[in-house]
Amino acid sequence: MGNLLERKVCSSKFCACKSLIILIKSAQVRSSSEFLAFLQENNIGSRKWRGSVGGIVDAPIDEVWTMVSQTSRLSEWMPMVERCTDLAGEEGLPGYVRLVSGFMFPQPDGDRSWIKERLVSMEPSSHSYVYRMEASNIGLDGSVNSLKLIDYEDDSTLVDWSFEINPLEGVYEDNIIDYLGFLYKSCINRIEGAIKAAAKKCVQESTQT
């Protein structure tokens, strides 16, 4: 039985290698640089764990964008975020770096979790942005979060939040993807309330002046 299993494993590996060789030949890869580019383009050896969540916010897209695109307002719709600090660059421009801390992910010692994020892209015209985790104490370095807003109907907005992380040793893919999905979905669910709270605060401040 053991030898049969070994033969099956070796056979599957051989078939995979043979298929890869045929694919490389068909792409006419001739140099090491072309080989690396070929691997990247075909996502070979760099498999990611991916997930996405979404939700409808009963507010116009511009109001939602104003809320979710500003670092200073993260804690208004992300209840687990306590503090955001600018580290480098200019907010809204690629290369901008921020430090986010709070209780996003439980720590064994009960301490706060922290994440250093770099802005990859932000497109106000399409209401979308992408952040990459540069460093953290939660083991998700290199993960990418992408958020996009879509004008829905009747002054409502569809929020689409997709994410990808590097595979984690000793962790089930479904478990971590489900947890992140739950976490990000809970944030989406708070956007509408955050917008209403901000509007109410503005009215109160205007009446006091």
C-alpha atoms as a PDB file:
ATOM      1  CA  MET A   1       0.000   0.000   0.000  1.00  0.00           C
ATOM      2  CA  GLY A   2       2.852   2.369   0.924  1.00  0.00           C
ATOM      3  CA  ASN A   3       4.725   1.721  -2.334  1.00  0.00           C
ATOM      4  CA  LEU A   4       1.525   2.254  -4.303  1.00  0.00           C
ATOM      5  CA  LEU A   5       0.954   5.602  -2.589  1.00  0.00           C
ATOM      6  CA  GLU A   6       4.569   6.638  -3.244  1.00  0.00           C
ATOM      7  CA  ARG A   7       4.192   5.725  -6.917  1.00  0.00           C
ATOM      8  CA  LYS A   8       0.996   7.818  -7.142  1.00  0.00           C
ATOM      9  CA  VAL A   9       2.667  10.823  -5.494  1.00  0.00           C
ATOM     10  CA  CYS A  10       5.726  10.540  -7.724  1.00  0.00           C
ATOM     11  CA  SER A  11       3.492  10.150 -10.767  1.00  0.00           C
ATOM     12  CA  SER A  12       1.466  13.268  -9.874  1.00  0.00           C
ATOM     13  CA  LYS A  13       4.650  15.271  -9.302  1.00  0.00           C
ATOM     14  CA  PHE A  14       6.048  14.028 -12.625  1.00  0.00           C
ATOM     15  CA  CYS A  15       2.856  15.038 -14.440  1.00  0.00           C
ATOM     16  CA  ALA A  16       2.919  18.477 -12.792  1.00  0.00           C
ATOM     17  CA  CYS A  17       6.564  19.010 -13.765  1.00  0.00           C
ATOM     18  CA  LYS A  18       5.900  17.769 -17.296  1.00  0.00           C
ATOM     19  CA  SER A  19       2.934  20.146 -17.642  1.00  0.00           C
ATOM     20  CA  LEU A  20       5.060  23.042 -16.361  1.00  0.00           C
ATOM     21  CA  ILE A  21       7.818  22.251 -18.882  1.00  0.00           C
ATOM     22  CA  ILE A  22       5.307  22.152 -21.736  1.00  0.00           C
ATOM     23  CA  LEU A  23       3.812  25.465 -20.541  1.00  0.00           C
ATOM     24  CA  ILE A  24       7.256  27.082 -20.372  1.00  0.00           C
ATOM     25  CA  LYS A  25       8.188  25.858 -23.837  1.00  0.00           C
ATOM     26  CA  SER A  26       4.921  27.135 -25.302  1.00  0.00           C
ATOM     27  CA  ALA A  27       5.620  30.547 -23.774  1.00  0.00           C
ATOM     28  CA  GLN A  28       9.112  30.505 -25.346  1.00  0.00           C
ATOM     29  CA  VAL A  29      10.961  31.289 -22.107  1.00  0.00           C
ATOM     30  CA  ARG A  30      14.668  31.653 -23.002  1.00  0.00           C
ATOM     31  CA  SER A  31      16.394  33.319 -20.012  1.00  0.00           C
ATOM     32  CA  SER A  32      16.339  33.360 -16.204  1.00  0.00           C
ATOM     33  CA  SER A  33      14.711  36.801 -16.139  1.00  0.00           C
ATOM     34  CA  GLU A  34      12.011  35.635 -18.533  1.00  0.00           C
ATOM     35  CA  PHE A  35      11.545  32.518 -16.374  1.00  0.00           C
ATOM     36  CA  LEU A  36      10.977  34.605 -13.215  1.00  0.00           C
ATOM     37  CA  ALA A  37       8.572  36.881 -15.061  1.00  0.00           C
ATOM     38  CA  PHE A  38       6.754  33.802 -16.374  1.00  0.00           C
ATOM     39  CA  LEU A  39       6.350  32.401 -12.840  1.00  0.00           C
ATOM     40  CA  GLN A  40       4.979  35.723 -11.554  1.00  0.00           C
ATOM     41  CA  GLU A  41       2.544  36.154 -14.436  1.00  0.00           C
ATOM     42  CA  ASN A  42       1.179  32.638 -13.938  1.00  0.00           C
ATOM     43  CA  ASN A  43       1.156  32.790 -10.107  1.00  0.00           C
ATOM     44  CA  ILE A  44       3.409  29.741  -9.878  1.00  0.00           C
ATOM     45  CA  GLY A  45       5.015  29.244  -6.476  1.00  0.00           C
ATOM     46  CA  SER A  46       3.270  32.313  -5.029  1.00  0.00           C
ATOM     47  CA  ARG A  47      -0.194  31.078  -4.136  1.00  0.00           C
ATOM     48  CA  LYS A  48      -2.178  33.423  -1.883  1.00  0.00           C
ATOM     49  CA  TRP A  49      -5.124  32.869   0.409  1.00  0.00           C
ATOM     50  CA  ARG A  50      -7.927  35.144  -0.770  1.00  0.00           C
ATOM     51  CA  GLY A  51     -11.290  36.295   0.449  1.00  0.00           C
ATOM     52  CA  SER A  52     -13.825  39.074   0.010  1.00  0.00           C
ATOM     53  CA  VAL A  53     -16.842  40.553   1.741  1.00  0.00           C
ATOM     54  CA  GLY A  54     -19.345  43.215   0.804  1.00  0.00           C
ATOM     55  CA  GLY A  55     -22.321  45.151   2.007  1.00  0.00           C
ATOM     56  CA  ILE A  56     -24.787  47.889   1.144  1.00  0.00           C
ATOM     57  CA  VAL A  57     -24.499  51.212   2.966  1.00  0.00           C
ATOM     58  CA  ASP A  58     -27.552  53.440   2.943  1.00  0.00           C
ATOM     59  CA  ALA A  59     -25.635  56.611   2.099  1.00  0.00           C
ATOM     60  CA  PRO A  60     -24.411  58.352  -1.093  1.00  0.00           C
ATOM     61  CA  ILE A  61     -21.099  57.132  -2.456  1.00  0.00           C
ATOM     62  CA  ASP A  62     -19.293  60.454  -1.870  1.00  0.00           C
ATOM     63  CA  GLU A  63     -20.239  60.430   1.822  1.00  0.00           C
ATOM     64  CA  VAL A  64     -19.063  56.844   2.179  1.00  0.00           C
ATOM     65  CA  TRP A  65     -15.808  57.657   0.393  1.00  0.00           C
ATOM     66  CA  THR A  66     -15.149  60.612   2.684  1.00  0.00           C
ATOM     67  CA  MET A  67     -15.543  58.307   5.670  1.00  0.00           C
ATOM     68  CA  VAL A  68     -13.510  55.292   4.524  1.00  0.00           C
ATOM     69  CA  SER A  69     -10.674  57.021   2.667  1.00  0.00           C
ATOM     70  CA  GLN A  70      -9.347  59.164   5.533  1.00  0.00           C
ATOM     71  CA  THR A  71      -6.901  57.651   8.017  1.00  0.00           C
ATOM     72  CA  SER A  72      -8.023  60.020  10.772  1.00  0.00           C
ATOM     73  CA  ARG A  73     -11.538  58.562  10.574  1.00  0.00           C
ATOM     74  CA  LEU A  74     -10.692  54.867  10.726  1.00  0.00           C
ATOM     75  CA  SER A  75     -11.714  54.510  14.368  1.00  0.00           C
ATOM     76  CA  GLU A  76     -15.190  55.865  13.532  1.00  0.00           C
ATOM     77  CA  TRP A  77     -16.073  52.766  11.506  1.00  0.00           C
ATOM     78  CA  MET A  78     -13.467  50.307  12.754  1.00  0.00           C
ATOM     79  CA  PRO A  79     -14.314  49.810  16.434  1.00  0.00           C
ATOM     80  CA  MET A  80     -11.179  47.753  17.119  1.00  0.00           C
ATOM     81  CA  VAL A  81      -8.880  50.584  15.974  1.00  0.00           C
ATOM     82  CA  GLU A  82      -7.670  52.928  18.718  1.00  0.00           C
ATOM     83  CA  ARG A  83      -4.995  55.020  17.070  1.00  0.00           C
ATOM     84  CA  CYS A  84      -3.639  55.873  13.617  1.00  0.00           C
ATOM     85  CA  THR A  85      -0.305  57.601  13.112  1.00  0.00           C
ATOM     86  CA  ASP A  86       1.187  59.014   9.908  1.00  0.00           C
ATOM     87  CA  LEU A  87       4.705  57.632   9.421  1.00  0.00           C
ATOM     88  CA  ALA A  88       5.802  58.679   5.945  1.00  0.00           C
ATOM     89  CA  GLY A  89       4.595  60.264   2.742  1.00  0.00           C
ATOM     90  CA  GLU A  90       1.424  62.183   2.035  1.00  0.00           C
ATOM     91  CA  GLU A  91      -1.969  60.662   2.683  1.00  0.00           C
ATOM     92  CA  GLY A  92      -3.792  59.777  -0.513  1.00  0.00           C
ATOM     93  CA  LEU A  93      -0.603  59.311  -2.534  1.00  0.00           C
ATOM     94  CA  PRO A  94       1.113  55.960  -3.230  1.00  0.00           C
ATOM     95  CA  GLY A  95       3.904  55.330  -0.750  1.00  0.00           C
ATOM     96  CA  TYR A  96       2.066  56.881   2.190  1.00  0.00           C
ATOM     97  CA  VAL A  97       2.704  54.817   5.344  1.00  0.00           C
ATOM     98  CA  ARG A  98       0.550  54.703   8.471  1.00  0.00           C
ATOM     99  CA  LEU A  99       0.648  52.822  11.778  1.00  0.00           C
ATOM    100  CA  VAL A 100      -2.675  51.407  12.972  1.00  0.00           C
ATOM    101  CA  SER A 101      -2.987  50.046  16.501  1.00  0.00           C
ATOM    102  CA  GLY A 102      -5.778  48.616  18.605  1.00  0.00           C
ATOM    103  CA  PHE A 103      -7.411  45.268  19.250  1.00  0.00           C
ATOM    104  CA  MET A 104      -7.856  44.064  15.664  1.00  0.00           C
ATOM    105  CA  PHE A 105      -6.364  40.676  16.508  1.00  0.00           C
ATOM    106  CA  PRO A 106      -6.200  39.217  20.059  1.00  0.00           C
ATOM    107  CA  GLN A 107      -2.658  38.933  21.427  1.00  0.00           C
ATOM    108  CA  PRO A 108      -1.587  36.205  23.887  1.00  0.00           C
ATOM    109  CA  ASP A 109      -0.369  38.795  26.404  1.00  0.00           C
ATOM    110  CA  GLY A 110      -3.478  40.941  26.017  1.00  0.00           C
ATOM    111  CA  ASP A 111      -1.421  43.703  24.425  1.00  0.00           C
ATOM    112  CA  ARG A 112      -2.568  45.785  21.471  1.00  0.00           C
ATOM    113  CA  SER A 113      -1.971  44.650  17.939  1.00  0.00           C
ATOM    114  CA  TRP A 114      -0.297  46.990  15.464  1.00  0.00           C
ATOM    115  CA  ILE A 115      -0.004  47.133  11.688  1.00  0.00           C
ATOM    116  CA  LYS A 116       2.208  49.283   9.485  1.00  0.00           C
ATOM    117  CA  GLU A 117       0.467  49.786   6.150  1.00  0.00           C
ATOM    118  CA  ARG A 118       1.690  51.280   2.885  1.00  0.00           C
ATOM    119  CA  LEU A 119      -0.718  52.785   0.382  1.00  0.00           C
ATOM    120  CA  VAL A 120      -0.290  51.037  -2.962  1.00  0.00           C
ATOM    121  CA  SER A 121      -2.900  53.038  -4.861  1.00  0.00           C
ATOM    122  CA  MET A 122      -5.834  55.360  -4.295  1.00  0.00           C
ATOM    123  CA  GLU A 123      -8.235  56.376  -7.058  1.00  0.00           C
ATOM    124  CA  PRO A 124     -10.859  58.913  -5.895  1.00  0.00           C
ATOM    125  CA  SER A 125     -12.475  58.894  -9.334  1.00  0.00           C
ATOM    126  CA  SER A 126     -13.249  55.177  -9.041  1.00  0.00           C
ATOM    127  CA  HIS A 127     -13.615  55.300  -5.240  1.00  0.00           C
ATOM    128  CA  SER A 128     -11.034  52.598  -4.596  1.00  0.00           C
ATOM    129  CA  TYR A 129      -7.780  52.062  -2.749  1.00  0.00           C
ATOM    130  CA  VAL A 130      -5.263  49.334  -1.954  1.00  0.00           C
ATOM    131  CA  TYR A 131      -3.112  49.020   1.176  1.00  0.00           C
ATOM    132  CA  ARG A 132      -0.321  46.516   1.828  1.00  0.00           C
ATOM    133  CA  MET A 133       0.743  45.439   5.338  1.00  0.00           C
ATOM    134  CA  GLU A 134       4.478  46.109   5.559  1.00  0.00           C
ATOM    135  CA  ALA A 135       4.994  44.897   9.150  1.00  0.00           C
ATOM    136  CA  SER A 136       2.916  43.870  12.158  1.00  0.00           C
ATOM    137  CA  ASN A 137       2.794  41.818  15.333  1.00  0.00           C
ATOM    138  CA  ILE A 138      -0.083  39.687  14.033  1.00  0.00           C
ATOM    139  CA  GLY A 139       1.733  37.585  11.420  1.00  0.00           C
ATOM    140  CA  LEU A 140       0.027  39.034   8.356  1.00  0.00           C
ATOM    141  CA  ASP A 141       2.981  40.852   6.822  1.00  0.00           C
ATOM    142  CA  GLY A 142       2.632  41.140   3.061  1.00  0.00           C
ATOM    143  CA  SER A 143      -1.154  40.877   3.044  1.00  0.00           C
ATOM    144  CA  VAL A 144      -3.089  43.208   0.747  1.00  0.00           C
ATOM    145  CA  ASN A 145      -6.463  44.860   1.361  1.00  0.00           C
ATOM    146  CA  SER A 146      -8.455  46.375  -1.483  1.00  0.00           C
ATOM    147  CA  LEU A 147     -11.600  48.432  -0.995  1.00  0.00           C
ATOM    148  CA  LYS A 148     -13.881  49.639  -3.771  1.00  0.00           C
ATOM    149  CA  LEU A 149     -17.169  51.536  -3.662  1.00  0.00           C
ATOM    150  CA  ILE A 150     -19.889  51.173  -6.268  1.00  0.00           C
ATOM    151  CA  ASP A 151     -22.796  53.570  -6.694  1.00  0.00           C
ATOM    152  CA  TYR A 152     -25.766  51.298  -6.110  1.00  0.00           C
ATOM    153  CA  GLU A 153     -29.253  52.854  -6.229  1.00  0.00           C
ATOM    154  CA  ASP A 154     -31.438  55.262  -4.258  1.00  0.00           C
ATOM    155  CA  ASP A 155     -28.379  57.021  -2.796  1.00  0.00           C
ATOM    156  CA  SER A 156     -26.899  53.783  -1.460  1.00  0.00           C
ATOM    157  CA  THR A 157     -23.411  52.374  -1.909  1.00  0.00           C
ATOM    158  CA  LEU A 158     -22.027  48.876  -2.396  1.00  0.00           C
ATOM    159  CA  VAL A 159     -18.781  48.349  -0.465  1.00  0.00           C
ATOM    160  CA  ASP A 160     -16.559  45.597  -1.856  1.00  0.00           C
ATOM    161  CA  TRP A 161     -13.613  44.603   0.367  1.00  0.00           C
ATOM    162  CA  SER A 162     -11.225  41.962  -0.965  1.00  0.00           C
ATOM    163  CA  PHE A 163      -8.047  40.718   0.679  1.00  0.00           C
ATOM    164  CA  GLU A 164      -5.192  38.305   0.170  1.00  0.00           C
ATOM    165  CA  ILE A 165      -2.610  36.951   2.613  1.00  0.00           C
ATOM    166  CA  ASN A 166       0.421  34.706   2.447  1.00  0.00           C
ATOM    167  CA  PRO A 167      -0.261  31.140   3.641  1.00  0.00           C
ATOM    168  CA  LEU A 168       0.295  30.797   7.394  1.00  0.00           C
ATOM    169  CA  GLU A 169       2.000  27.795   8.920  1.00  0.00           C
ATOM    170  CA  GLY A 170      -0.101  25.928  11.468  1.00  0.00           C
ATOM    171  CA  VAL A 171      -3.312  27.758  10.495  1.00  0.00           C
ATOM    172  CA  TYR A 172      -6.243  26.455   8.442  1.00  0.00           C
ATOM    173  CA  GLU A 173      -6.942  28.605   5.401  1.00  0.00           C
ATOM    174  CA  ASP A 174     -10.728  28.553   5.889  1.00  0.00           C
ATOM    175  CA  ASN A 175     -10.424  29.593   9.538  1.00  0.00           C
ATOM    176  CA  ILE A 176      -8.301  32.698   8.946  1.00  0.00           C
ATOM    177  CA  ILE A 177     -10.244  33.731   5.828  1.00  0.00           C
ATOM    178  CA  ASP A 178     -13.536  33.379   7.711  1.00  0.00           C
ATOM    179  CA  TYR A 179     -12.192  35.391  10.642  1.00  0.00           C
ATOM    180  CA  LEU A 180     -10.896  38.214   8.448  1.00  0.00           C
ATOM    181  CA  GLY A 181     -14.161  38.218   6.517  1.00  0.00           C
ATOM    182  CA  PHE A 182     -16.137  38.508   9.750  1.00  0.00           C
ATOM    183  CA  LEU A 183     -13.853  41.307  10.977  1.00  0.00           C
ATOM    184  CA  TYR A 184     -14.051  43.338   7.771  1.00  0.00           C
ATOM    185  CA  LYS A 185     -17.783  42.759   7.365  1.00  0.00           C
ATOM    186  CA  SER A 186     -18.376  44.131  10.876  1.00  0.00           C
ATOM    187  CA  CYS A 187     -16.525  47.288   9.811  1.00  0.00           C
ATOM    188  CA  ILE A 188     -18.674  47.681   6.690  1.00  0.00           C
ATOM    189  CA  ASN A 189     -21.785  47.335   8.840  1.00  0.00           C
ATOM    190  CA  ARG A 190     -20.682  50.315  10.952  1.00  0.00           C
ATOM    191  CA  ILE A 191     -20.097  52.778   8.110  1.00  0.00           C
ATOM    192  CA  GLU A 192     -23.694  53.972   7.889  1.00  0.00           C
ATOM    193  CA  GLY A 193     -23.914  54.585  11.632  1.00  0.00           C
ATOM    194  CA  ALA A 194     -20.576  56.420  11.583  1.00  0.00           C
ATOM    195  CA  ILE A 195     -21.804  58.751   8.822  1.00  0.00           C
ATOM    196  CA  LYS A 196     -25.017  59.527  10.724  1.00  0.00           C
ATOM    197  CA  ALA A 197     -23.096  60.131  13.959  1.00  0.00           C
ATOM    198  CA  ALA A 198     -20.717  62.518  12.203  1.00  0.00           C
ATOM    199  CA  ALA A 199     -23.632  64.425  10.633  1.00  0.00           C
ATOM    200  CA  LYS A 200     -25.370  64.698  14.012  1.00  0.00           C
ATOM    201  CA  LYS A 201     -22.182  65.996  15.609  1.00  0.00           C
ATOM    202  CA  CYS A 202     -21.860  68.688  12.921  1.00  0.00           C
ATOM    203  CA  VAL A 203     -25.446  69.838  13.548  1.00  0.00           C
ATOM    204  CA  GLN A 204     -24.830  70.025  17.289  1.00  0.00           C
ATOM    205  CA  GLU A 205     -21.629  72.006  16.840  1.00  0.00           C
ATOM    206  CA  SER A 206     -23.319  74.440  14.440  1.00  0.00           C
ATOM    207  CA  THR A 207     -26.152  75.119  16.891  1.00  0.00           C
ATOM    208  CA  GLN A 208     -23.681  75.846  19.684  1.00  0.00           C
ATOM    209  CA  THR A 209     -21.807  78.496  17.725  1.00  0.00           C
END
